[in-house]
Amino acid sequence: MFSKTCEYAIRAMIFVAHKSKDGTKIGIKEIAKGIDSPEHFIAKILQDLGKKGLIQSLKGPNGGFFFENETLNYSIADVVTAIDGNKLFSGCGLGLKECSTAKPCPIHNEFKKVRDDIFNMLQAAKLTQFTDGLENNLTFLNRK
């Protein structure tokens, strides 16, 4: 459903939200290890998200990635839109360039319901709501 880049972005954002909730800045090596991602790849993703204002970073020996209070309220939908655009939330289920209520594809009505449900679920899912599951080892962000 998500691009590989988007999957890594979501995992990294949740990981940083979890690890930086006490104000700690998280380095790229720790993030890459924590989400089982190549360092260079996740660094580029997080730099892009930083430029878009979804996450903060600080350079230097005490630097790393972190969230400020207002950015902790971003949703998974915000991350998806920043990385993959809004195609998941507005695109045609069959990939047609033009698909609408006025000119629907064969699955338009059913797909629109699913697409809207996915958007609503991801919009309601704030980055911080996943930290307790990670803290208590009930959920995981890597395959190891």
C-alpha atoms as a PDB file:
ATOM      1  CA  MET A   1       0.000   0.000   0.000  1.00  0.00           C
ATOM      2  CA  PHE A   2       2.876   2.396   0.839  1.00  0.00           C
ATOM      3  CA  SER A   3       6.107   2.867  -1.075  1.00  0.00           C
ATOM      4  CA  LYS A   4       9.223   1.449   0.600  1.00  0.00           C
ATOM      5  CA  THR A   5      10.351   5.018   1.287  1.00  0.00           C
ATOM      6  CA  CYS A   6       7.052   5.756   3.007  1.00  0.00           C
ATOM      7  CA  GLU A   7       7.230   2.574   5.096  1.00  0.00           C
ATOM      8  CA  TYR A   8      10.687   3.562   6.360  1.00  0.00           C
ATOM      9  CA  ALA A   9       9.514   7.142   6.977  1.00  0.00           C
ATOM     10  CA  ILE A  10       6.564   6.009   9.102  1.00  0.00           C
ATOM     11  CA  ARG A  11       8.702   3.593  11.098  1.00  0.00           C
ATOM     12  CA  ALA A  12      11.414   6.227  11.628  1.00  0.00           C
ATOM     13  CA  MET A  13       8.949   8.891  12.729  1.00  0.00           C
ATOM     14  CA  ILE A  14       7.332   6.555  15.261  1.00  0.00           C
ATOM     15  CA  PHE A  15      10.781   5.441  16.477  1.00  0.00           C
ATOM     16  CA  VAL A  16      11.960   9.027  16.971  1.00  0.00           C
ATOM     17  CA  ALA A  17       8.680   9.962  18.694  1.00  0.00           C
ATOM     18  CA  HIS A  18       9.232   7.043  21.068  1.00  0.00           C
ATOM     19  CA  LYS A  19      12.914   7.627  21.779  1.00  0.00           C
ATOM     20  CA  SER A  20      12.840  11.418  21.985  1.00  0.00           C
ATOM     21  CA  LYS A  21       9.814  11.881  24.233  1.00  0.00           C
ATOM     22  CA  ASP A  22      12.153  12.899  27.084  1.00  0.00           C
ATOM     23  CA  GLY A  23      13.897  15.497  24.891  1.00  0.00           C
ATOM     24  CA  THR A  24      16.716  13.220  23.706  1.00  0.00           C
ATOM     25  CA  LYS A  25      18.004  13.734  20.169  1.00  0.00           C
ATOM     26  CA  ILE A  26      18.319  10.465  18.239  1.00  0.00           C
ATOM     27  CA  GLY A  27      21.216   9.837  15.864  1.00  0.00           C
ATOM     28  CA  ILE A  28      20.813   8.311  12.431  1.00  0.00           C
ATOM     29  CA  LYS A  29      22.748   5.154  13.358  1.00  0.00           C
ATOM     30  CA  GLU A  30      20.372   4.420  16.232  1.00  0.00           C
ATOM     31  CA  ILE A  31      17.334   5.114  14.056  1.00  0.00           C
ATOM     32  CA  ALA A  32      18.600   2.882  11.249  1.00  0.00           C
ATOM     33  CA  LYS A  33      19.324   0.057  13.690  1.00  0.00           C
ATOM     34  CA  GLY A  34      16.023   0.516  15.511  1.00  0.00           C
ATOM     35  CA  ILE A  35      13.920   0.220  12.360  1.00  0.00           C
ATOM     36  CA  ASP A  36      16.195  -2.123  10.379  1.00  0.00           C
ATOM     37  CA  SER A  37      16.934   0.422   7.651  1.00  0.00           C
ATOM     38  CA  PRO A  38      20.014   1.344   5.623  1.00  0.00           C
ATOM     39  CA  GLU A  39      21.569   4.439   7.260  1.00  0.00           C
ATOM     40  CA  HIS A  40      22.034   6.428   4.054  1.00  0.00           C
ATOM     41  CA  PHE A  41      18.459   5.770   2.918  1.00  0.00           C
ATOM     42  CA  ILE A  42      16.814   6.749   6.204  1.00  0.00           C
ATOM     43  CA  ALA A  43      19.069   9.817   6.494  1.00  0.00           C
ATOM     44  CA  LYS A  44      17.794  11.103   3.139  1.00  0.00           C
ATOM     45  CA  ILE A  45      14.192  10.399   4.109  1.00  0.00           C
ATOM     46  CA  LEU A  46      14.491  12.210   7.437  1.00  0.00           C
ATOM     47  CA  GLN A  47      16.287  15.158   5.832  1.00  0.00           C
ATOM     48  CA  ASP A  48      13.377  15.475   3.406  1.00  0.00           C
ATOM     49  CA  LEU A  49      10.842  15.302   6.247  1.00  0.00           C
ATOM     50  CA  GLY A  50      12.881  17.902   8.135  1.00  0.00           C
ATOM     51  CA  LYS A  51      12.761  20.280   5.172  1.00  0.00           C
ATOM     52  CA  LYS A  52       8.993  19.810   5.113  1.00  0.00           C
ATOM     53  CA  GLY A  53       8.806  20.644   8.824  1.00  0.00           C
ATOM     54  CA  LEU A  54       7.581  17.268  10.082  1.00  0.00           C
ATOM     55  CA  ILE A  55      10.667  16.555  12.219  1.00  0.00           C
ATOM     56  CA  GLN A  56      13.501  18.629  13.627  1.00  0.00           C
ATOM     57  CA  SER A  57      17.219  17.949  13.574  1.00  0.00           C
ATOM     58  CA  LEU A  58      20.286  19.427  15.140  1.00  0.00           C
ATOM     59  CA  LYS A  59      23.836  18.923  13.865  1.00  0.00           C
ATOM     60  CA  GLY A  60      26.859  18.330  16.019  1.00  0.00           C
ATOM     61  CA  PRO A  61      28.022  15.937  18.749  1.00  0.00           C
ATOM     62  CA  ASN A  62      24.810  16.357  20.753  1.00  0.00           C
ATOM     63  CA  GLY A  63      22.635  16.505  17.674  1.00  0.00           C
ATOM     64  CA  GLY A  64      20.161  14.185  16.091  1.00  0.00           C
ATOM     65  CA  PHE A  65      16.495  14.022  15.197  1.00  0.00           C
ATOM     66  CA  PHE A  66      13.715  15.005  17.572  1.00  0.00           C
ATOM     67  CA  PHE A  67      10.222  16.452  17.806  1.00  0.00           C
ATOM     68  CA  GLU A  68       9.028  19.678  19.294  1.00  0.00           C
ATOM     69  CA  ASN A  69       5.701  19.591  21.121  1.00  0.00           C
ATOM     70  CA  GLU A  70       3.663  20.875  18.178  1.00  0.00           C
ATOM     71  CA  THR A  71       5.163  18.399  15.712  1.00  0.00           C
ATOM     72  CA  LEU A  72       4.310  15.420  17.914  1.00  0.00           C
ATOM     73  CA  ASN A  73       0.711  15.849  16.821  1.00  0.00           C
ATOM     74  CA  TYR A  74       1.427  14.940  13.204  1.00  0.00           C
ATOM     75  CA  SER A  75      -0.492  11.951  11.951  1.00  0.00           C
ATOM     76  CA  ILE A  76       0.571   8.976   9.890  1.00  0.00           C
ATOM     77  CA  ALA A  77      -1.498  10.525   7.059  1.00  0.00           C
ATOM     78  CA  ASP A  78       0.744  13.621   7.241  1.00  0.00           C
ATOM     79  CA  VAL A  79       3.835  11.436   6.789  1.00  0.00           C
ATOM     80  CA  VAL A  80       2.249   9.484   3.915  1.00  0.00           C
ATOM     81  CA  THR A  81       1.269  12.706   2.134  1.00  0.00           C
ATOM     82  CA  ALA A  82       4.743  14.219   2.644  1.00  0.00           C
ATOM     83  CA  ILE A  83       6.452  11.162   1.134  1.00  0.00           C
ATOM     84  CA  ASP A  84       4.013   9.613  -1.355  1.00  0.00           C
ATOM     85  CA  GLY A  85       1.652  12.512  -2.023  1.00  0.00           C
ATOM     86  CA  ASN A  86      -2.101  12.087  -1.744  1.00  0.00           C
ATOM     87  CA  LYS A  87      -2.580   9.439  -4.428  1.00  0.00           C
ATOM     88  CA  LEU A  88      -3.440   6.796  -1.813  1.00  0.00           C
ATOM     89  CA  PHE A  89      -6.221   9.035  -0.559  1.00  0.00           C
ATOM     90  CA  SER A  90      -7.532  10.319  -3.873  1.00  0.00           C
ATOM     91  CA  GLY A  91      -6.285   8.084  -6.686  1.00  0.00           C
ATOM     92  CA  CYS A  92      -8.210   5.616  -8.787  1.00  0.00           C
ATOM     93  CA  GLY A  93      -8.213   2.003  -7.598  1.00  0.00           C
ATOM     94  CA  LEU A  94      -7.485   0.858 -11.147  1.00  0.00           C
ATOM     95  CA  GLY A  95      -4.864   3.520 -11.798  1.00  0.00           C
ATOM     96  CA  LEU A  96      -6.883   5.481 -14.346  1.00  0.00           C
ATOM     97  CA  LYS A  97      -5.807   9.086 -14.885  1.00  0.00           C
ATOM     98  CA  GLU A  98      -9.387  10.284 -14.722  1.00  0.00           C
ATOM     99  CA  CYS A  99     -11.803   8.711 -12.255  1.00  0.00           C
ATOM    100  CA  SER A 100     -14.523  10.565 -10.403  1.00  0.00           C
ATOM    101  CA  THR A 101     -18.119  10.326  -9.292  1.00  0.00           C
ATOM    102  CA  ALA A 102     -19.102  11.872 -12.633  1.00  0.00           C
ATOM    103  CA  LYS A 103     -16.880   9.506 -14.631  1.00  0.00           C
ATOM    104  CA  PRO A 104     -16.216   6.455 -12.397  1.00  0.00           C
ATOM    105  CA  CYS A 105     -14.137   3.374 -13.067  1.00  0.00           C
ATOM    106  CA  PRO A 106     -15.863   0.010 -12.448  1.00  0.00           C
ATOM    107  CA  ILE A 107     -14.721  -0.124  -8.781  1.00  0.00           C
ATOM    108  CA  HIS A 108     -14.917   3.609  -8.006  1.00  0.00           C
ATOM    109  CA  ASN A 109     -17.725   3.594  -5.432  1.00  0.00           C
ATOM    110  CA  GLU A 110     -16.419   0.652  -3.401  1.00  0.00           C
ATOM    111  CA  PHE A 111     -12.810   1.819  -3.613  1.00  0.00           C
ATOM    112  CA  LYS A 112     -13.716   5.346  -2.529  1.00  0.00           C
ATOM    113  CA  LYS A 113     -15.205   3.958   0.704  1.00  0.00           C
ATOM    114  CA  VAL A 114     -12.050   1.953   1.436  1.00  0.00           C
ATOM    115  CA  ARG A 115      -9.819   4.886   0.494  1.00  0.00           C
ATOM    116  CA  ASP A 116     -11.775   7.225   2.781  1.00  0.00           C
ATOM    117  CA  ASP A 117     -11.604   4.703   5.646  1.00  0.00           C
ATOM    118  CA  ILE A 118      -7.833   4.404   5.223  1.00  0.00           C
ATOM    119  CA  PHE A 119      -7.454   8.188   5.226  1.00  0.00           C
ATOM    120  CA  ASN A 120      -9.604   8.588   8.344  1.00  0.00           C
ATOM    121  CA  MET A 121      -7.690   5.856  10.182  1.00  0.00           C
ATOM    122  CA  LEU A 122      -4.265   7.278   9.264  1.00  0.00           C
ATOM    123  CA  GLN A 123      -5.370  10.857   9.987  1.00  0.00           C
ATOM    124  CA  ALA A 124      -6.523   9.828  13.468  1.00  0.00           C
ATOM    125  CA  ALA A 125      -3.277   7.903  14.126  1.00  0.00           C
ATOM    126  CA  LYS A 126      -0.918  10.384  15.791  1.00  0.00           C
ATOM    127  CA  LEU A 127       2.783   9.554  16.032  1.00  0.00           C
ATOM    128  CA  THR A 128       2.760   9.601  19.823  1.00  0.00           C
ATOM    129  CA  GLN A 129      -0.029   7.063  20.223  1.00  0.00           C
ATOM    130  CA  PHE A 130       2.322   4.208  19.296  1.00  0.00           C
ATOM    131  CA  THR A 131       5.015   4.861  21.891  1.00  0.00           C
ATOM    132  CA  ASP A 132       3.387   2.903  24.745  1.00  0.00           C
ATOM    133  CA  GLY A 133       3.206  -0.283  22.672  1.00  0.00           C
ATOM    134  CA  LEU A 134       6.907   0.026  21.846  1.00  0.00           C
ATOM    135  CA  GLU A 135       7.812   0.799  25.454  1.00  0.00           C
ATOM    136  CA  ASN A 136       6.013  -2.323  26.673  1.00  0.00           C
ATOM    137  CA  ASN A 137       7.333  -4.552  23.850  1.00  0.00           C
ATOM    138  CA  LEU A 138       3.815  -5.103  22.541  1.00  0.00           C
ATOM    139  CA  THR A 139       4.651  -3.669  19.108  1.00  0.00           C
ATOM    140  CA  PHE A 140       7.838  -3.614  17.043  1.00  0.00           C
ATOM    141  CA  LEU A 141       9.443  -1.507  14.303  1.00  0.00           C
ATOM    142  CA  ASN A 142      12.001  -3.954  12.988  1.00  0.00           C
ATOM    143  CA  ARG A 143      12.044  -7.548  11.805  1.00  0.00           C
ATOM    144  CA  LYS A 144      14.745  -8.749  14.205  1.00  0.00           C
END
